[in-house]
Structure formats: C-alpha cells, structure tokens
Protein backbone atom coordinates (compact mmCIF):
# COMPACT_ATOMS: atom_id res chain seq x y z
CA MET A 1 3.55 6.28 -21.23
CA GLN A 2 4.01 2.60 -20.34
CA ASN A 3 1.39 0.01 -21.21
CA LEU A 4 0.02 -1.65 -18.09
CA LYS A 5 1.14 -5.02 -19.44
CA ASP A 6 4.68 -3.66 -19.56
CA VAL A 7 4.64 -2.47 -15.94
CA PRO A 8 6.76 -5.04 -14.05
CA ASN A 9 5.10 -7.10 -11.31
CA VAL A 10 7.80 -7.44 -8.68
CA GLU A 11 7.76 -10.36 -6.25
CA PHE A 12 9.38 -10.56 -2.83
CA ARG A 13 12.76 -12.31 -3.01
CA ALA A 14 14.06 -13.25 0.42
CA PRO A 15 17.85 -12.91 0.78
CA SER A 16 17.87 -15.81 3.25
CA ILE A 17 15.56 -18.29 5.00
CA LYS A 18 15.75 -16.17 8.17
CA MET A 19 14.44 -13.18 6.21
CA SER A 20 11.70 -15.08 4.38
CA GLY A 21 8.93 -12.81 5.69
CA VAL A 22 10.55 -9.47 6.38
CA GLU A 23 13.77 -7.89 5.13
CA VAL A 24 15.39 -4.73 6.48
CA LEU A 25 17.68 -3.43 3.75
CA ASP A 26 20.00 -0.44 3.96
CA LEU A 27 19.27 1.96 1.10
CA ASP A 28 22.98 2.18 0.24
CA THR A 29 22.93 -1.58 -0.33
CA PHE A 30 19.84 -1.16 -2.52
CA TYR A 31 21.62 1.49 -4.61
CA ARG A 32 24.67 -0.74 -5.06
CA LYS A 33 22.46 -3.58 -6.35
CA LEU A 34 20.58 -1.46 -8.90
CA SER A 35 22.61 -2.87 -11.80
CA GLN A 36 21.39 -6.37 -10.86
CA CYS A 37 17.70 -5.44 -11.07
CA LYS A 38 15.72 -6.95 -13.94
CA PHE A 39 13.55 -3.82 -14.01
CA ASP A 40 14.13 -0.10 -13.56
CA PRO A 41 13.09 0.89 -9.99
CA ALA A 42 12.85 4.51 -11.16
CA LYS A 43 9.96 3.53 -13.45
CA PRO A 44 6.48 2.45 -12.29
CA HIS A 45 6.31 -1.15 -11.07
CA ARG A 46 3.67 -3.07 -9.12
CA ILE A 47 4.74 -5.02 -6.04
CA ASN A 48 3.17 -8.16 -4.55
CA TYR A 49 4.39 -7.36 -1.03
CA PHE A 50 4.47 -4.37 1.33
CA CYS A 51 7.36 -1.92 1.11
CA PHE A 52 8.16 0.64 3.82
CA ILE A 53 10.98 3.15 3.38
CA TYR A 54 12.39 5.00 6.37
CA ILE A 55 14.41 8.14 5.54
CA THR A 56 17.23 8.87 8.00
CA ASP A 57 18.90 11.61 5.93
CA GLY A 58 18.18 13.53 2.75
CA SER A 59 15.05 14.61 0.92
CA GLY A 60 13.27 13.95 -2.35
CA GLY A 61 10.05 12.33 -3.49
CA HIS A 62 8.46 8.97 -4.14
CA PHE A 63 5.89 8.09 -6.82
CA ILE A 64 2.96 6.04 -5.48
CA ASP A 65 0.15 5.26 -7.88
CA PHE A 66 -0.59 8.55 -9.64
CA LYS A 67 0.94 10.94 -7.09
CA TYR A 68 4.42 12.23 -6.28
CA HIS A 69 4.96 12.38 -2.51
CA PRO A 70 7.77 14.57 -1.12
CA PHE A 71 9.78 13.25 1.81
CA LYS A 72 12.48 14.50 4.18
CA LYS A 73 14.62 13.28 7.04
CA GLY A 74 12.44 11.32 9.45
CA SER A 75 9.81 10.46 6.83
CA PHE A 76 8.24 7.02 6.63
CA ILE A 77 6.98 5.94 3.19
CA SER A 78 4.33 3.23 2.96
CA VAL A 79 3.66 1.28 -0.25
CA ASN A 80 1.02 -1.42 0.00
CA LYS A 81 0.74 -4.69 -1.87
CA ASN A 82 -0.45 -4.22 -5.49
CA GLN A 83 0.29 -0.50 -5.51
CA VAL A 84 2.34 0.91 -8.37
CA HIS A 85 5.35 2.93 -7.28
CA ALA A 86 8.71 4.27 -8.47
CA PHE A 87 11.86 5.51 -6.75
CA ASP A 88 13.39 8.95 -7.21
CA LEU A 89 16.95 7.79 -7.80
CA ASP A 90 18.28 11.30 -8.36
CA SER A 91 18.04 12.21 -4.67
CA ARG A 92 19.27 8.89 -3.20
CA PRO A 93 18.52 9.57 0.47
CA GLN A 94 19.92 7.49 3.32
CA GLY A 95 17.74 5.11 5.29
CA LYS A 96 16.18 1.69 5.38
CA MET A 97 13.83 -0.26 3.13
CA ILE A 98 11.59 -2.75 4.94
CA ASN A 99 10.04 -5.35 2.63
CA VAL A 100 7.27 -7.47 4.15
CA THR A 101 5.18 -10.33 2.79
CA GLU A 102 1.44 -10.69 3.31
CA ASP A 103 2.12 -14.08 4.94
CA PHE A 104 4.24 -12.33 7.57
CA PHE A 105 1.32 -10.05 8.50
CA THR A 106 -0.94 -13.11 8.62
CA SER A 107 1.51 -14.78 11.00
CA ILE A 108 1.47 -11.73 13.26
CA GLN A 109 -2.32 -11.82 13.43
CA ALA A 110 -2.30 -15.57 14.14
CA ASN A 111 0.42 -15.55 16.81
CA ILE A 112 0.09 -12.19 18.50
CA ARG A 113 -3.63 -11.64 17.94
CA LEU A 114 -3.42 -7.91 17.61
CA PRO A 115 -5.07 -5.97 14.74
CA LEU A 116 -1.95 -3.93 14.14
CA PHE A 117 -2.09 -3.27 10.45
CA SER A 118 -4.48 -2.74 7.60
CA PRO A 119 -3.56 -1.96 3.98
CA ALA A 120 -6.17 0.79 4.09
CA HIS A 121 -4.79 3.09 1.41
CA LEU A 122 -8.38 3.67 0.23
CA THR A 123 -9.39 5.34 3.48
CA ARG A 124 -9.25 9.10 3.82
CA SER A 125 -7.14 8.92 6.98
CA TYR A 126 -4.38 6.96 5.26
CA LYS A 127 -1.07 8.72 4.63
CA SER A 128 1.42 7.34 2.10
CA VAL A 129 4.17 9.48 3.62
CA PHE A 130 4.31 10.78 7.17
CA THR A 131 7.10 12.19 9.33
CA LEU A 132 8.06 10.76 12.70
CA ASN A 133 8.55 12.98 15.73
CA SER A 134 11.97 13.11 17.42
CA ASN A 135 11.07 10.58 20.13
CA SER A 136 9.72 8.10 17.60
CA ILE A 137 12.81 8.38 15.40
CA GLU A 138 15.06 7.13 18.20
CA THR A 139 12.73 4.22 19.01
CA CYS A 140 12.28 3.35 15.33
CA ASN A 141 16.06 3.18 14.84
CA ALA A 142 16.39 0.90 17.86
CA LEU A 143 13.58 -1.46 16.77
CA LEU A 144 14.94 -1.81 13.23
CA LEU A 145 18.37 -2.61 14.66
CA GLU A 146 16.86 -5.24 16.96
CA ILE A 147 14.93 -6.81 14.06
CA VAL A 148 18.15 -7.20 12.08
CA LYS A 149 19.96 -8.61 15.13
CA ALA A 150 17.14 -11.08 15.75
CA GLN A 151 17.24 -12.27 12.14
CA THR A 152 21.02 -12.57 11.90
CA GLY A 153 21.60 -14.25 15.27
CA GLU A 154 22.43 -17.94 15.50
CA ASP A 155 19.08 -18.80 17.09
CA CYS A 156 16.63 -16.79 15.01
CA ASP A 157 13.23 -16.84 16.70
CA PRO A 158 10.44 -15.93 14.21
CA LEU A 159 8.12 -14.96 17.06
CA LEU A 160 10.68 -12.46 18.38
CA VAL A 161 10.92 -10.88 14.93
CA GLN A 162 7.13 -10.67 14.79
CA LEU A 163 6.96 -9.05 18.23
CA LEU A 164 9.64 -6.49 17.34
CA PHE A 165 7.93 -5.66 14.04
CA SER A 166 4.57 -5.38 15.79
CA SER A 167 6.14 -2.97 18.28
CA LEU A 168 7.31 -0.86 15.36
CA PHE A 169 3.76 -0.62 14.00
CA VAL A 170 2.33 0.18 17.41
CA LEU A 171 4.81 3.07 17.43
CA LEU A 172 3.84 4.23 13.94
CA ALA A 173 0.06 3.84 14.24
CA PRO A 174 -0.73 7.17 16.02
CA GLN A 175 1.31 9.13 13.48
CA ARG A 176 -0.13 7.20 10.58
CA LYS A 177 -3.57 7.97 12.05
CA GLU A 178 -5.29 4.72 11.12
CA ASN A 179 -8.69 4.47 12.73
CA ILE A 180 -8.53 0.71 12.35
CA GLN A 181 -6.30 0.67 15.43
CA HIS A 182 -9.47 1.33 17.46
CA LEU A 183 -11.33 -1.69 16.10
CA SER A 184 -11.62 -4.97 17.93
CA GLU A 185 -9.65 -7.91 16.60
CA THR A 186 -12.71 -9.41 14.90
CA GLN A 187 -13.74 -6.07 13.39
CA ALA A 188 -10.23 -5.41 12.07
CA LEU A 189 -10.05 -8.83 10.43
CA ARG A 190 -13.45 -8.32 8.82
CA PHE A 191 -12.48 -4.88 7.55
CA ASN A 192 -9.24 -6.26 6.11
CA HIS A 193 -11.24 -9.02 4.45
CA PHE A 194 -13.55 -6.45 2.87
CA LEU A 195 -10.61 -4.42 1.52
CA MET A 196 -9.08 -7.55 0.01
CA LEU A 197 -12.40 -8.49 -1.57
CA ILE A 198 -12.61 -5.05 -3.16
CA GLU A 199 -9.19 -5.53 -4.77
CA THR A 200 -10.14 -8.89 -6.28
CA LYS A 201 -13.82 -8.40 -7.11
CA PHE A 202 -14.26 -4.73 -8.12
CA THR A 203 -14.27 -5.51 -11.84
CA GLU A 204 -17.13 -7.95 -11.25
CA THR A 205 -19.34 -5.80 -9.01
CA ARG A 206 -19.38 -2.40 -7.36
CA ASP A 207 -22.56 -3.19 -5.40
CA ALA A 208 -21.95 -2.96 -1.64
CA SER A 209 -24.80 -5.42 -0.99
CA ALA A 210 -22.96 -8.05 -3.04
CA TYR A 211 -19.84 -7.67 -0.86
CA ALA A 212 -21.93 -7.91 2.28
CA GLU A 213 -23.37 -11.19 0.98
CA MET A 214 -19.84 -12.51 0.23
CA MET A 215 -18.91 -11.76 3.84
CA HIS A 216 -22.14 -13.24 5.25
CA LEU A 217 -23.05 -9.85 6.69
CA SER A 218 -26.06 -7.61 6.25
CA TYR A 219 -25.61 -4.47 4.18
CA LYS A 220 -26.23 -2.42 7.32
CA SER A 221 -23.57 -4.32 9.33
CA LEU A 222 -20.95 -3.86 6.59
CA ASN A 223 -21.69 -0.14 6.39
CA GLN A 224 -21.45 0.21 10.17
CA LEU A 225 -18.09 -1.59 10.14
CA CYS A 226 -16.70 0.70 7.43
CA LYS A 227 -17.93 3.84 9.17
CA LEU A 228 -16.37 2.70 12.43
CA ALA A 229 -13.08 1.89 10.71
CA CYS A 230 -12.69 4.99 8.55
CA ASN A 231 -15.86 7.07 8.62
CA GLN A 232 -16.69 6.04 5.06
CA THR A 233 -19.43 3.82 3.67
CA ALA A 234 -18.76 0.49 1.98
CA LYS A 235 -19.81 2.00 -1.36
CA GLN A 236 -17.39 4.90 -0.92
CA LEU A 237 -14.52 2.46 -0.39
CA ILE A 238 -15.50 0.38 -3.42
CA ASP A 239 -15.69 3.48 -5.58
CA ALA A 240 -12.40 4.77 -4.16
CA HIS A 241 -10.59 1.62 -5.26
CA THR A 242 -12.25 1.72 -8.68
CA ILE A 243 -11.20 5.33 -9.20
CA LEU A 244 -7.67 4.53 -8.01
CA GLU A 245 -7.32 1.66 -10.49
CA ILE A 246 -8.70 3.84 -13.30
CA LYS A 247 -6.10 6.51 -12.50
CA ARG A 248 -3.34 3.87 -12.38
CA ARG A 249 -4.22 2.67 -15.85
CA LEU A 250 -4.70 6.16 -17.26
CA THR A 251 -1.26 7.23 -16.04
CA ILE A 252 0.83 4.16 -16.92
CA GLN A 253 -0.71 2.72 -20.08
CA SER A 254 -1.47 3.90 -23.58
CA SER A 255 -4.84 2.16 -23.98
CA GLN A 256 -7.89 4.10 -25.08
CA VAL A 257 -10.41 5.20 -22.45
CA GLN A 258 -13.02 2.78 -23.78
CA ASP A 259 -10.57 -0.14 -23.48
CA ILE A 260 -9.88 0.71 -19.84
CA ALA A 261 -13.62 0.96 -19.21
CA TYR A 262 -14.20 -2.56 -20.56
CA GLU A 263 -11.16 -3.96 -18.70
CA LEU A 264 -12.61 -2.70 -15.42
CA GLY A 265 -16.08 -4.09 -15.94
CA PHE A 266 -17.94 -1.07 -17.32
CA ASP A 267 -20.29 -2.04 -20.16
CA ASP A 268 -21.19 1.56 -20.98
CA VAL A 269 -18.31 3.93 -21.78
CA THR A 270 -20.57 6.96 -21.32
CA TYR A 271 -21.39 5.83 -17.78
CA PHE A 272 -17.68 5.15 -17.16
CA VAL A 273 -16.84 8.76 -18.09
CA LYS A 274 -19.68 10.11 -15.92
CA PHE A 275 -18.58 7.90 -13.01
CA PHE A 276 -15.01 9.20 -13.20
CA LYS A 277 -16.09 12.82 -13.65
CA ARG A 278 -18.45 12.63 -10.66
CA HIS A 279 -15.56 11.58 -8.41
CA CYS A 280 -12.68 13.52 -9.97
CA PHE A 281 -14.38 16.59 -11.49
CA THR A 282 -12.66 15.94 -14.82
CA THR A 283 -12.92 13.43 -17.64
CA PRO A 284 -10.58 10.41 -17.94
CA SER A 285 -9.08 11.83 -21.12
CA GLN A 286 -8.39 15.20 -19.50
CA PHE A 287 -6.91 13.54 -16.41
CA LYS A 288 -4.57 11.53 -18.63
CA CYS A 289 -3.59 14.63 -20.59
CA ASP A 290 -2.97 16.66 -17.44
CA PHE A 291 -0.79 13.91 -15.97
CA LYS A 292 1.38 13.76 -19.10
CA THR A 293 2.09 17.50 -18.88
CA LYS A 294 3.19 17.40 -15.22
C-alpha cells in the first residue's frame, strides 16, 4: 500500500486564462494526455479542486476514498476537494471531466447569490455517483456544450459561464438529493463554513461546542443548522469526517495504527481503536487487512 506522503497532491492547472476556474475536458483528450501526467491517475491521488465526471457511454468504476463506485452510461461522478480518488483506466468510458476550483464556487456565491453547492460528502444523503434520467441527460449535454462555447468565444463573459454552470447544478441537485438545496443563502453559507472548519480543525478538536464557538454560534444553533441541512448532528458530522480520514490513511499508507492515531490528534491509542470500532464495527487493523484482500 502507498504511504500517505507518497500519495500525490494534484493541483488545478488551467489550460487557458478563460478556463481559469472551470475546465470541461473530453475524456478522450484526457486519455491521450496520460503519458504527460507526472503521477499515475489510476493510483490514489488527492486533489485540491472539485472533479466531476459525466459518463456518456461505457461502464466501469471509480475509486473515491476507500470505496469503489460502479458507473454506467448517464452516470455523474462527484469528487470533492481533498478527497482521494483513482481512475479505472481499463474501462476508459466516453464522457466529460469537469474540473472546478473552489474560487469558482466562491465567485458563483458572490455574483449569483444562490446556495447551489455544498461539498457535503460527509452527509448521509450525499451520493458520489448517481445516474441522470433521460430528460436530464439531454439538458446536461446542452449545458456543457454551452459552457465550452462561452469559454472559447472571442468575448468570454465569466458571469455567463457561472450562470451556465449554476444551471447545471440546479439540474443535478434533485438527483443528487442534497438537502442543503432547501437552506436559505445564509444557512447554506454557514453550513459550508462548518464543513470546511471540520476539514481543517478535526485533528485539534472533535468537540462540537468548540466549532460552535469558532462560528460565533451557540451549540444548539449549530446542531439545529446541521439537522436542517442533513438530518445529522454537528458531532455526527465531525465524527464522520474523522472516520473518513482514518479510513483514507488505513487504506493508502503503511503506517502503524498507533502512528495514525497520533497524526489525527488521538493521545490514547486504546480510545482511538474503540472510537473506530464504535463507528465501523471492526478494528482499524482488521479494516486495513480486509481492504488489502479486496
């Protein structure tokens, strides 16, 4: 298994100034450029942007964090910033890869003022892979074509690109089943802020009250926000991210369990094992062993 330090951290590289925030890339073009990659896309790598893959023909599977997700024609694959993923290059389906920066999402929220998206892969309602219905497929194809046309035209209007991309996510939201779509703008921004805090602070604290204090909210208000967004408590979301990061490290690095425990802020290895077992019904060592045999 790879050591976490050896897992490449891949940054967004815009092919042009016009595509500095979002790039729609044909998968055939991606396959042709594989020899130019400084890392192996078929092996786990962590990305610092958002990657969406739309399958127009073919079938196969995509590795996201510790799971292998099957896909088919019409599937939409969602990989969030900081997630570890890998391509199944044996199947080589047809379709599009849409790479998006966090700054682009921020621009959408600033200019369009719609809470269209949340990187809520910790919520139970989140789906890494979902399949579009026939009506949505036609509209999705048209919107992706219009995004490319808007970016490659002589007078590229960034706001037009943002509007077209936002329309795409409005289309996808009901099939992705994100409850955050029902939040107000202020609530959605606060929930996004909480999720980002979890990603950056979970090794320092797993106390929901501490996050509420960081956000200048009461513990009760933060819990109400989380329940409204995804029917989970703040503590459940914090623990979900902690468990996810433990699984990431167990599956892609060769470190000992106690080393991972200390890396993630656990002072007591015994408690670390109990924490993992309470959530996963198995020990970290057994989980790692089971994953190797799959």
